[in-house]
């Protein structure tokens, strides 16, 4: 059985920060009523291992006006988790669990400078991108997780392929197009301030 891309990315991040885990435990911790592995679920798990988690997005799931205060954001996400149906309900429920665990969420576009600054501050970056755009294959559907590992004249990513991560460069145009079309979702993970 192949390991899902989100689990591979999560395992790499935990290993990078020196956390003990096994893939079966990670899979079971992510197993919920949802069939989809949301990026907020990945963030919740890294926090369970004692790391900090920060999500950014420009997703249509969230109204920018909700971000005026933490309590308003939490209340609106909770409302949607209770009233929405199907995948939207699952997404809002995952976000609510992430926020209640102590994660932070920011509504903002992701830029090259933002990624460079995050890497400079030793944050691990998991991005959720359009699988069709990233793989340049219109027959693919859904999202795809990867790790941003560096930036030169291209964006370097660790791309999950058949139970391993393969480092590869992609053009900025392809990366940001795949990221933007999927809502600009990235997860920044780092050690808590007391560990630095």
N, C-alpha and C. Protein backbone atom coordinates (compact mmCIF):
# COMPACT_ATOMS: atom_id res chain seq x y z
N UNK A 1 0.84 -1.18 0.00
CA UNK A 1 0.00 0.00 0.00
C UNK A 1 0.89 1.25 0.00
N UNK A 2 0.58 2.18 -0.85
CA UNK A 2 1.35 3.41 -0.98
C UNK A 2 1.03 4.38 0.16
N UNK A 3 2.07 5.09 0.62
CA UNK A 3 1.88 6.07 1.70
C UNK A 3 1.41 7.38 1.08
N UNK A 4 0.32 7.97 1.57
CA UNK A 4 -0.19 9.23 1.01
C UNK A 4 0.84 10.37 1.12
N UNK A 5 0.75 11.30 0.18
CA UNK A 5 1.72 12.41 0.12
C UNK A 5 1.73 13.23 1.41
N UNK A 6 0.57 13.45 2.02
CA UNK A 6 0.51 14.22 3.26
C UNK A 6 1.24 13.54 4.40
N UNK A 7 1.12 12.22 4.49
CA UNK A 7 1.81 11.46 5.54
C UNK A 7 3.32 11.52 5.33
N UNK A 8 3.76 11.39 4.07
CA UNK A 8 5.20 11.46 3.78
C UNK A 8 5.77 12.82 4.16
N UNK A 9 5.04 13.89 3.83
CA UNK A 9 5.50 15.24 4.19
C UNK A 9 5.53 15.42 5.70
N UNK A 10 4.49 14.97 6.37
CA UNK A 10 4.41 15.07 7.82
C UNK A 10 5.55 14.30 8.48
N UNK A 11 5.82 13.10 8.00
CA UNK A 11 6.90 12.28 8.55
C UNK A 11 8.24 12.98 8.38
N UNK A 12 8.46 13.59 7.23
CA UNK A 12 9.73 14.29 6.99
C UNK A 12 9.89 15.46 7.96
N UNK A 13 8.84 16.21 8.15
CA UNK A 13 8.90 17.37 9.06
C UNK A 13 9.18 16.91 10.48
N UNK A 14 8.48 15.88 10.94
CA UNK A 14 8.70 15.40 12.30
C UNK A 14 10.13 14.87 12.48
N UNK A 15 10.62 14.16 11.48
CA UNK A 15 11.99 13.65 11.54
C UNK A 15 12.99 14.81 11.57
N UNK A 16 12.75 15.84 10.75
CA UNK A 16 13.62 17.01 10.69
C UNK A 16 13.77 17.65 12.07
N UNK A 17 12.66 17.70 12.81
CA UNK A 17 12.68 18.31 14.14
C UNK A 17 13.02 17.31 15.25
N UNK A 18 13.42 16.09 14.88
CA UNK A 18 13.88 15.11 15.86
C UNK A 18 12.78 14.45 16.66
N UNK A 19 11.58 14.36 16.12
CA UNK A 19 10.46 13.76 16.84
C UNK A 19 10.38 12.25 16.55
N UNK A 20 10.06 11.48 17.58
CA UNK A 20 9.89 10.03 17.41
C UNK A 20 8.45 9.75 16.98
N UNK A 21 8.29 8.91 15.99
CA UNK A 21 6.98 8.59 15.45
C UNK A 21 7.10 7.34 14.60
N UNK A 22 5.97 6.79 14.21
CA UNK A 22 5.96 5.77 13.17
C UNK A 22 4.81 6.09 12.23
N UNK A 23 4.94 5.68 11.00
CA UNK A 23 3.99 6.05 9.96
C UNK A 23 2.59 5.51 10.25
N UNK A 24 2.50 4.32 10.84
CA UNK A 24 1.19 3.75 11.14
C UNK A 24 0.47 4.62 12.18
N UNK A 25 1.20 5.08 13.18
CA UNK A 25 0.60 5.97 14.19
C UNK A 25 0.15 7.28 13.56
N UNK A 26 0.99 7.83 12.67
CA UNK A 26 0.60 9.08 11.99
C UNK A 26 -0.69 8.87 11.21
N UNK A 27 -0.77 7.78 10.47
CA UNK A 27 -1.96 7.50 9.68
C UNK A 27 -3.19 7.39 10.55
N UNK A 28 -3.05 6.70 11.69
CA UNK A 28 -4.22 6.53 12.56
C UNK A 28 -4.62 7.84 13.22
N UNK A 29 -3.65 8.71 13.53
CA UNK A 29 -3.97 10.01 14.13
C UNK A 29 -4.70 10.90 13.14
N UNK A 30 -4.44 10.72 11.86
CA UNK A 30 -5.11 11.53 10.85
C UNK A 30 -6.46 10.94 10.45
N UNK A 31 -6.68 9.68 10.78
CA UNK A 31 -7.93 9.04 10.42
C UNK A 31 -9.07 9.68 11.22
N UNK A 32 -10.00 10.24 10.49
CA UNK A 32 -11.15 10.87 11.15
C UNK A 32 -12.39 10.54 10.35
N UNK A 33 -13.45 11.24 10.60
CA UNK A 33 -14.67 11.00 9.85
C UNK A 33 -14.54 11.47 8.41
N UNK A 34 -13.49 12.23 8.14
CA UNK A 34 -13.26 12.75 6.80
C UNK A 34 -12.40 11.78 5.99
N UNK A 35 -12.74 11.63 4.73
CA UNK A 35 -11.94 10.79 3.83
C UNK A 35 -10.75 11.57 3.30
N UNK A 36 -10.76 12.88 3.49
CA UNK A 36 -9.73 13.75 2.94
C UNK A 36 -8.76 14.14 4.04
N UNK A 37 -7.49 14.20 3.70
CA UNK A 37 -6.46 14.65 4.62
C UNK A 37 -6.28 16.15 4.40
N UNK A 38 -6.87 16.96 5.27
CA UNK A 38 -6.81 18.41 5.15
C UNK A 38 -5.47 18.92 5.69
N UNK A 39 -4.99 20.03 5.16
CA UNK A 39 -3.73 20.60 5.64
C UNK A 39 -3.85 21.00 7.11
N UNK A 40 -5.04 21.37 7.54
CA UNK A 40 -5.26 21.69 8.96
C UNK A 40 -5.06 20.44 9.83
N UNK A 41 -5.38 19.26 9.30
CA UNK A 41 -5.13 18.01 10.03
C UNK A 41 -3.63 17.81 10.23
N UNK A 42 -2.85 18.10 9.20
CA UNK A 42 -1.39 17.98 9.32
C UNK A 42 -0.88 18.94 10.40
N UNK A 43 -1.41 20.16 10.41
CA UNK A 43 -1.02 21.14 11.41
C UNK A 43 -1.37 20.69 12.82
N UNK A 44 -2.54 20.10 12.97
CA UNK A 44 -2.95 19.60 14.29
C UNK A 44 -1.98 18.53 14.78
N UNK A 45 -1.57 17.65 13.89
CA UNK A 45 -0.66 16.57 14.28
C UNK A 45 0.71 17.12 14.68
N UNK A 46 1.26 18.09 13.92
CA UNK A 46 2.58 18.61 14.31
C UNK A 46 2.50 19.27 15.69
N UNK A 47 1.38 19.88 16.02
CA UNK A 47 1.22 20.46 17.36
C UNK A 47 1.16 19.38 18.42
N UNK A 48 0.55 18.24 18.11
CA UNK A 48 0.51 17.13 19.06
C UNK A 48 1.92 16.61 19.36
N UNK A 49 2.86 16.86 18.47
CA UNK A 49 4.26 16.47 18.67
C UNK A 49 5.08 17.63 19.25
N UNK A 50 4.43 18.68 19.72
CA UNK A 50 5.11 19.76 20.40
C UNK A 50 5.69 20.85 19.52
N UNK A 51 5.30 20.89 18.25
CA UNK A 51 5.78 21.92 17.33
C UNK A 51 4.74 23.02 17.18
N UNK A 52 5.17 24.16 16.68
CA UNK A 52 4.25 25.26 16.36
C UNK A 52 3.75 25.09 14.93
N UNK A 53 2.51 25.49 14.70
CA UNK A 53 1.91 25.37 13.37
C UNK A 53 1.16 26.65 13.01
N UNK A 54 1.42 27.12 11.80
CA UNK A 54 0.80 28.35 11.30
C UNK A 54 0.34 28.08 9.86
N UNK A 55 -0.94 28.29 9.61
CA UNK A 55 -1.50 28.12 8.26
C UNK A 55 -1.71 29.47 7.61
N UNK A 56 -1.45 29.55 6.31
CA UNK A 56 -1.84 30.73 5.54
C UNK A 56 -2.65 30.25 4.34
N UNK A 57 -3.56 31.11 3.89
CA UNK A 57 -4.39 30.77 2.74
C UNK A 57 -5.08 32.01 2.19
N UNK A 58 -5.68 31.84 1.02
CA UNK A 58 -6.64 32.79 0.47
C UNK A 58 -7.85 32.01 -0.05
N UNK A 59 -8.19 30.96 0.65
CA UNK A 59 -9.23 30.04 0.22
C UNK A 59 -10.62 30.68 0.26
N UNK A 60 -11.47 30.25 -0.68
CA UNK A 60 -12.86 30.71 -0.69
C UNK A 60 -13.66 30.13 0.48
N UNK A 61 -13.07 29.17 1.20
CA UNK A 61 -13.73 28.64 2.39
C UNK A 61 -13.86 29.68 3.49
N UNK A 62 -12.99 30.69 3.44
CA UNK A 62 -12.91 31.66 4.53
C UNK A 62 -13.13 33.07 4.01
N UNK A 63 -13.89 33.84 4.74
CA UNK A 63 -14.14 35.23 4.39
C UNK A 63 -13.04 36.09 5.03
N UNK A 64 -12.38 36.95 4.26
CA UNK A 64 -11.32 37.78 4.85
C UNK A 64 -11.78 38.61 6.05
N UNK A 65 -13.06 38.96 6.12
CA UNK A 65 -13.55 39.77 7.25
C UNK A 65 -13.53 38.99 8.57
N UNK A 66 -13.44 37.66 8.51
CA UNK A 66 -13.39 36.85 9.72
C UNK A 66 -12.08 37.04 10.48
N UNK A 67 -11.08 37.58 9.83
CA UNK A 67 -9.74 37.64 10.42
C UNK A 67 -9.50 38.91 11.24
N UNK A 68 -10.55 39.67 11.52
CA UNK A 68 -10.39 40.88 12.33
C UNK A 68 -10.03 40.57 13.77
N UNK A 69 -10.43 39.40 14.26
CA UNK A 69 -10.04 38.98 15.60
C UNK A 69 -10.00 37.46 15.65
N UNK A 70 -9.21 36.92 16.58
CA UNK A 70 -9.11 35.47 16.73
C UNK A 70 -10.44 34.87 17.13
N UNK A 71 -11.18 35.56 18.00
CA UNK A 71 -12.45 35.00 18.45
C UNK A 71 -13.49 34.99 17.33
N UNK A 72 -13.51 36.04 16.51
CA UNK A 72 -14.44 36.06 15.38
C UNK A 72 -14.10 34.93 14.41
N UNK A 73 -12.82 34.76 14.10
CA UNK A 73 -12.41 33.69 13.19
C UNK A 73 -12.85 32.33 13.73
N UNK A 74 -12.56 32.09 14.99
CA UNK A 74 -12.92 30.81 15.59
C UNK A 74 -14.43 30.60 15.57
N UNK A 75 -15.20 31.65 15.92
CA UNK A 75 -16.65 31.54 15.94
C UNK A 75 -17.22 31.27 14.55
N UNK A 76 -16.70 31.93 13.52
CA UNK A 76 -17.21 31.74 12.17
C UNK A 76 -16.85 30.35 11.63
N UNK A 77 -15.63 29.89 11.92
CA UNK A 77 -15.24 28.54 11.49
C UNK A 77 -16.11 27.51 12.21
N UNK A 78 -16.36 27.71 13.52
CA UNK A 78 -17.22 26.79 14.27
C UNK A 78 -18.64 26.77 13.71
N UNK A 79 -19.15 27.95 13.36
CA UNK A 79 -20.49 28.04 12.76
C UNK A 79 -20.56 27.23 11.47
N UNK A 80 -19.56 27.39 10.61
CA UNK A 80 -19.53 26.66 9.34
C UNK A 80 -19.37 25.16 9.56
N UNK A 81 -18.58 24.78 10.57
CA UNK A 81 -18.40 23.36 10.87
C UNK A 81 -19.73 22.72 11.29
N UNK A 82 -20.62 23.52 11.89
CA UNK A 82 -21.92 23.01 12.33
C UNK A 82 -22.97 23.06 11.24
N UNK A 83 -22.88 24.05 10.34
CA UNK A 83 -23.98 24.26 9.40
C UNK A 83 -23.70 23.81 7.97
N UNK A 84 -22.45 23.72 7.58
CA UNK A 84 -22.13 23.32 6.21
C UNK A 84 -22.35 21.82 6.03
N UNK A 85 -22.33 21.38 4.81
CA UNK A 85 -22.51 19.96 4.46
C UNK A 85 -21.29 19.47 3.68
N UNK A 86 -21.11 18.18 3.66
CA UNK A 86 -20.11 17.53 2.81
C UNK A 86 -18.68 17.98 3.06
N UNK A 87 -17.96 18.21 1.97
CA UNK A 87 -16.55 18.56 2.05
C UNK A 87 -16.31 19.90 2.76
N UNK A 88 -17.20 20.85 2.57
CA UNK A 88 -17.04 22.14 3.25
C UNK A 88 -17.14 21.96 4.77
N UNK A 89 -18.04 21.12 5.21
CA UNK A 89 -18.16 20.81 6.64
C UNK A 89 -16.88 20.16 7.15
N UNK A 90 -16.35 19.20 6.39
CA UNK A 90 -15.12 18.51 6.78
C UNK A 90 -13.96 19.50 6.87
N UNK A 91 -13.85 20.38 5.89
CA UNK A 91 -12.75 21.36 5.88
C UNK A 91 -12.85 22.30 7.08
N UNK A 92 -14.04 22.80 7.35
CA UNK A 92 -14.21 23.71 8.49
C UNK A 92 -14.00 22.98 9.83
N UNK A 93 -14.40 21.73 9.91
CA UNK A 93 -14.18 20.95 11.12
C UNK A 93 -12.68 20.76 11.37
N UNK A 94 -11.93 20.45 10.31
CA UNK A 94 -10.47 20.30 10.43
C UNK A 94 -9.84 21.63 10.88
N UNK A 95 -10.31 22.73 10.32
CA UNK A 95 -9.78 24.05 10.72
C UNK A 95 -10.12 24.36 12.17
N UNK A 96 -11.33 24.04 12.58
CA UNK A 96 -11.73 24.29 13.96
C UNK A 96 -10.85 23.48 14.93
N UNK A 97 -10.62 22.21 14.62
CA UNK A 97 -9.76 21.38 15.46
C UNK A 97 -8.35 21.96 15.53
N UNK A 98 -7.86 22.46 14.40
CA UNK A 98 -6.54 23.07 14.33
C UNK A 98 -6.47 24.32 15.23
N UNK A 99 -7.47 25.18 15.13
CA UNK A 99 -7.50 26.41 15.94
C UNK A 99 -7.63 26.08 17.43
N UNK A 100 -8.47 25.12 17.75
CA UNK A 100 -8.67 24.76 19.16
C UNK A 100 -7.43 24.12 19.77
N UNK A 101 -6.58 23.53 18.94
CA UNK A 101 -5.33 22.93 19.41
C UNK A 101 -4.25 24.00 19.63
N UNK A 102 -4.51 25.24 19.15
CA UNK A 102 -3.55 26.32 19.34
C UNK A 102 -2.86 26.80 18.07
N UNK A 103 -3.29 26.26 16.93
CA UNK A 103 -2.71 26.70 15.66
C UNK A 103 -3.16 28.09 15.29
N UNK A 104 -2.39 28.76 14.45
CA UNK A 104 -2.76 30.09 13.98
C UNK A 104 -3.04 30.04 12.49
N UNK A 105 -3.92 30.91 12.06
CA UNK A 105 -4.38 30.94 10.68
C UNK A 105 -4.37 32.38 10.20
N UNK A 106 -3.82 32.59 9.02
CA UNK A 106 -3.67 33.93 8.46
C UNK A 106 -4.18 33.94 7.01
N UNK A 107 -4.94 34.96 6.68
CA UNK A 107 -5.45 35.12 5.31
C UNK A 107 -4.47 36.01 4.56
N UNK A 108 -3.69 35.42 3.66
CA UNK A 108 -2.70 36.21 2.92
C UNK A 108 -2.22 35.41 1.71
N UNK A 109 -1.88 36.10 0.64
CA UNK A 109 -1.25 35.40 -0.48
C UNK A 109 0.17 35.01 -0.12
N UNK A 110 0.65 33.96 -0.73
CA UNK A 110 2.01 33.49 -0.50
C UNK A 110 2.88 34.03 -1.63
N UNK A 111 4.00 34.63 -1.26
CA UNK A 111 4.94 35.18 -2.24
C UNK A 111 6.30 34.51 -2.10
N UNK A 112 7.14 34.76 -3.06
CA UNK A 112 8.51 34.26 -3.00
C UNK A 112 9.21 34.77 -1.73
N UNK A 113 9.06 36.06 -1.43
CA UNK A 113 9.69 36.65 -0.26
C UNK A 113 9.19 35.98 1.03
N UNK A 114 7.91 35.70 1.10
CA UNK A 114 7.34 35.04 2.28
C UNK A 114 7.97 33.66 2.48
N UNK A 115 8.12 32.91 1.39
CA UNK A 115 8.74 31.59 1.48
C UNK A 115 10.21 31.71 1.87
N UNK A 116 10.93 32.65 1.25
CA UNK A 116 12.35 32.84 1.58
C UNK A 116 12.54 33.21 3.05
N UNK A 117 11.71 34.10 3.54
CA UNK A 117 11.80 34.52 4.94
C UNK A 117 11.50 33.35 5.88
N UNK A 118 10.50 32.56 5.54
CA UNK A 118 10.15 31.39 6.37
C UNK A 118 11.30 30.40 6.41
N UNK A 119 11.92 30.12 5.26
CA UNK A 119 13.05 29.20 5.23
C UNK A 119 14.23 29.76 6.01
N UNK A 120 14.47 31.05 5.89
CA UNK A 120 15.57 31.70 6.62
C UNK A 120 15.39 31.55 8.13
N UNK A 121 14.14 31.57 8.58
CA UNK A 121 13.85 31.43 10.01
C UNK A 121 13.68 29.97 10.43
N UNK A 122 14.18 29.06 9.58
CA UNK A 122 14.20 27.62 9.88
C UNK A 122 12.80 27.02 10.08
N UNK A 123 11.87 27.50 9.31
CA UNK A 123 10.53 26.92 9.34
C UNK A 123 10.42 25.92 8.20
N UNK A 124 9.77 24.81 8.48
CA UNK A 124 9.49 23.82 7.44
C UNK A 124 8.18 24.22 6.78
N UNK A 125 8.12 24.11 5.47
CA UNK A 125 6.95 24.55 4.71
C UNK A 125 6.33 23.37 3.99
N UNK A 126 5.09 23.06 4.33
CA UNK A 126 4.30 22.09 3.58
C UNK A 126 3.29 22.89 2.78
N UNK A 127 3.26 22.66 1.48
CA UNK A 127 2.32 23.36 0.60
C UNK A 127 1.31 22.36 0.04
N UNK A 128 0.08 22.83 -0.12
CA UNK A 128 -0.94 22.03 -0.79
C UNK A 128 -1.21 22.69 -2.14
N UNK A 129 -0.97 21.94 -3.20
CA UNK A 129 -1.06 22.49 -4.55
C UNK A 129 -2.03 21.66 -5.40
N UNK A 130 -2.43 22.23 -6.51
CA UNK A 130 -3.25 21.50 -7.49
C UNK A 130 -2.39 20.40 -8.10
N UNK A 131 -2.84 19.18 -7.98
CA UNK A 131 -2.10 18.04 -8.53
C UNK A 131 -1.99 18.14 -10.06
N UNK A 132 -3.07 18.58 -10.71
CA UNK A 132 -3.06 18.67 -12.18
C UNK A 132 -2.03 19.68 -12.67
N UNK A 133 -1.97 20.84 -12.01
CA UNK A 133 -1.02 21.87 -12.45
C UNK A 133 0.41 21.48 -12.09
N UNK A 134 0.62 21.01 -10.85
CA UNK A 134 1.97 20.67 -10.42
C UNK A 134 2.57 19.56 -11.28
N UNK A 135 1.79 18.52 -11.55
CA UNK A 135 2.29 17.39 -12.34
C UNK A 135 2.14 17.61 -13.84
N UNK A 136 1.58 18.76 -14.22
CA UNK A 136 1.34 19.07 -15.63
C UNK A 136 0.60 17.94 -16.33
N UNK A 137 -0.47 17.49 -15.65
CA UNK A 137 -1.29 16.39 -16.14
C UNK A 137 -2.76 16.71 -15.85
N UNK A 138 -3.50 17.15 -16.89
CA UNK A 138 -4.89 17.56 -16.66
C UNK A 138 -5.81 16.42 -16.20
N UNK A 139 -5.35 15.18 -16.27
CA UNK A 139 -6.18 14.06 -15.86
C UNK A 139 -6.10 13.80 -14.35
N UNK A 140 -5.16 14.46 -13.69
CA UNK A 140 -5.07 14.32 -12.23
C UNK A 140 -6.09 15.24 -11.59
N UNK A 141 -6.58 14.83 -10.43
CA UNK A 141 -7.53 15.68 -9.71
C UNK A 141 -7.08 15.79 -8.26
N UNK A 142 -7.66 16.75 -7.56
CA UNK A 142 -7.39 16.91 -6.15
C UNK A 142 -6.13 17.68 -5.84
N UNK A 143 -5.81 17.70 -4.57
CA UNK A 143 -4.63 18.41 -4.10
C UNK A 143 -3.45 17.47 -3.94
N UNK A 144 -2.29 18.06 -3.78
CA UNK A 144 -1.05 17.30 -3.60
C UNK A 144 -0.18 18.05 -2.60
N UNK A 145 0.35 17.34 -1.62
CA UNK A 145 1.25 17.95 -0.63
C UNK A 145 2.69 17.80 -1.06
N UNK A 146 3.47 18.83 -0.75
CA UNK A 146 4.91 18.79 -0.98
C UNK A 146 5.58 19.71 0.02
N UNK A 147 6.89 19.59 0.11
CA UNK A 147 7.67 20.43 1.02
C UNK A 147 8.53 21.37 0.20
N UNK A 148 8.48 22.66 0.53
CA UNK A 148 9.35 23.64 -0.11
C UNK A 148 10.70 23.56 0.60
N UNK A 149 11.76 23.22 -0.14
CA UNK A 149 13.06 22.99 0.49
C UNK A 149 14.09 24.08 0.19
N UNK A 150 13.83 24.91 -0.80
CA UNK A 150 14.79 25.97 -1.12
C UNK A 150 14.31 26.81 -2.29
N UNK A 151 14.97 27.94 -2.47
CA UNK A 151 14.62 28.83 -3.57
C UNK A 151 15.91 29.36 -4.18
N UNK A 152 16.03 29.17 -5.49
CA UNK A 152 17.13 29.76 -6.27
C UNK A 152 16.46 30.48 -7.43
N UNK A 153 16.83 30.14 -8.64
CA UNK A 153 16.09 30.64 -9.79
C UNK A 153 14.81 29.84 -9.99
N UNK A 154 14.65 28.79 -9.20
CA UNK A 154 13.46 27.94 -9.20
C UNK A 154 13.04 27.68 -7.75
N UNK A 155 11.86 27.09 -7.61
CA UNK A 155 11.40 26.64 -6.30
C UNK A 155 11.80 25.16 -6.19
N UNK A 156 12.57 24.83 -5.17
CA UNK A 156 12.98 23.45 -4.94
C UNK A 156 11.98 22.82 -3.97
N UNK A 157 11.49 21.66 -4.34
CA UNK A 157 10.51 20.97 -3.51
C UNK A 157 10.93 19.53 -3.27
N UNK A 158 10.47 19.01 -2.15
CA UNK A 158 10.55 17.58 -1.89
C UNK A 158 9.18 17.03 -2.24
N UNK A 159 9.15 16.26 -3.31
CA UNK A 159 7.89 15.79 -3.88
C UNK A 159 7.67 14.32 -3.52
N UNK A 160 6.58 14.00 -2.81
CA UNK A 160 6.30 12.60 -2.48
C UNK A 160 5.99 11.77 -3.72
N UNK A 161 6.78 10.72 -3.90
CA UNK A 161 6.56 9.79 -5.01
C UNK A 161 6.84 8.38 -4.52
N UNK A 162 5.87 7.52 -4.62
CA UNK A 162 5.99 6.10 -4.26
C UNK A 162 6.79 5.89 -2.98
N UNK A 163 6.23 6.35 -1.88
CA UNK A 163 6.77 6.11 -0.55
C UNK A 163 8.10 6.78 -0.24
N UNK A 164 8.49 7.78 -1.00
CA UNK A 164 9.72 8.52 -0.72
C UNK A 164 9.55 9.96 -1.19
N UNK A 165 10.46 10.83 -0.76
CA UNK A 165 10.45 12.22 -1.21
C UNK A 165 11.60 12.42 -2.19
N UNK A 166 11.29 12.98 -3.33
CA UNK A 166 12.29 13.24 -4.38
C UNK A 166 12.44 14.76 -4.51
N UNK A 167 13.69 15.25 -4.39
CA UNK A 167 13.90 16.69 -4.54
C UNK A 167 13.91 17.05 -6.02
N UNK A 168 13.18 18.09 -6.35
CA UNK A 168 13.15 18.52 -7.75
C UNK A 168 12.89 20.02 -7.83
N UNK A 169 13.45 20.66 -8.85
CA UNK A 169 13.18 22.08 -9.05
C UNK A 169 11.97 22.26 -9.97
N UNK A 170 11.17 23.28 -9.68
CA UNK A 170 10.07 23.64 -10.58
C UNK A 170 10.10 25.15 -10.78
N UNK A 171 9.52 25.59 -11.85
CA UNK A 171 9.51 27.02 -12.12
C UNK A 171 8.60 27.72 -11.11
N UNK A 172 8.93 28.99 -10.85
CA UNK A 172 8.06 29.77 -9.97
C UNK A 172 6.65 29.84 -10.53
N UNK A 173 6.55 30.00 -11.83
CA UNK A 173 5.23 30.11 -12.46
C UNK A 173 4.38 28.87 -12.18
N UNK A 174 4.96 27.69 -12.36
CA UNK A 174 4.22 26.45 -12.10
C UNK A 174 3.87 26.32 -10.63
N UNK A 175 4.85 26.58 -9.75
CA UNK A 175 4.60 26.44 -8.32
C UNK A 175 3.48 27.37 -7.86
N UNK A 176 3.61 28.65 -8.16
CA UNK A 176 2.62 29.62 -7.65
C UNK A 176 1.26 29.45 -8.32
N UNK A 177 1.24 29.00 -9.56
CA UNK A 177 -0.04 28.72 -10.22
C UNK A 177 -0.74 27.54 -9.53
N UNK A 178 0.02 26.48 -9.25
CA UNK A 178 -0.55 25.30 -8.58
C UNK A 178 -0.99 25.64 -7.16
N UNK A 179 -0.21 26.48 -6.48
CA UNK A 179 -0.54 26.89 -5.11
C UNK A 179 -1.78 27.77 -5.08
N UNK A 180 -1.79 28.79 -5.94
CA UNK A 180 -2.91 29.74 -5.96
C UNK A 180 -4.22 29.07 -6.34
N UNK A 181 -4.17 28.17 -7.31
CA UNK A 181 -5.42 27.54 -7.75
C UNK A 181 -6.00 26.63 -6.67
N UNK A 182 -5.20 26.28 -5.68
CA UNK A 182 -5.68 25.42 -4.60
C UNK A 182 -5.90 26.20 -3.31
N UNK A 183 -5.88 27.54 -3.37
CA UNK A 183 -6.23 28.37 -2.22
C UNK A 183 -5.06 28.92 -1.43
N UNK A 184 -3.83 28.82 -1.97
CA UNK A 184 -2.64 29.35 -1.28
C UNK A 184 -2.45 28.74 0.12
N UNK A 185 -2.76 27.48 0.28
CA UNK A 185 -2.62 26.83 1.59
C UNK A 185 -1.18 26.40 1.82
N UNK A 186 -0.54 26.96 2.84
CA UNK A 186 0.75 26.45 3.28
C UNK A 186 0.73 26.30 4.80
N UNK A 187 1.49 25.34 5.27
CA UNK A 187 1.65 25.08 6.69
C UNK A 187 3.11 25.34 7.05
N UNK A 188 3.32 26.29 7.95
CA UNK A 188 4.66 26.56 8.46
C UNK A 188 4.79 25.86 9.80
N UNK A 189 5.85 25.08 9.97
CA UNK A 189 6.09 24.42 11.24
C UNK A 189 7.44 24.85 11.78
N UNK A 190 7.50 24.96 13.10
CA UNK A 190 8.75 25.38 13.75
C UNK A 190 8.77 24.88 15.18
N UNK A 191 9.96 24.96 15.77
CA UNK A 191 10.08 24.64 17.20
C UNK A 191 9.41 25.75 18.00
N UNK A 192 8.91 25.42 19.19
CA UNK A 192 8.38 26.50 20.05
C UNK A 192 9.49 27.48 20.42
N UNK A 193 9.14 28.73 20.66
CA UNK A 193 10.16 29.74 20.99
C UNK A 193 11.09 29.32 22.13
N UNK A 194 10.59 28.60 23.10
CA UNK A 194 11.42 28.19 24.25
C UNK A 194 12.51 27.20 23.85
N UNK A 195 12.37 26.54 22.68
CA UNK A 195 13.34 25.55 22.23
C UNK A 195 14.45 26.14 21.39
N UNK A 196 14.29 27.39 20.97
CA UNK A 196 15.26 27.98 20.06
C UNK A 196 16.50 28.47 20.76
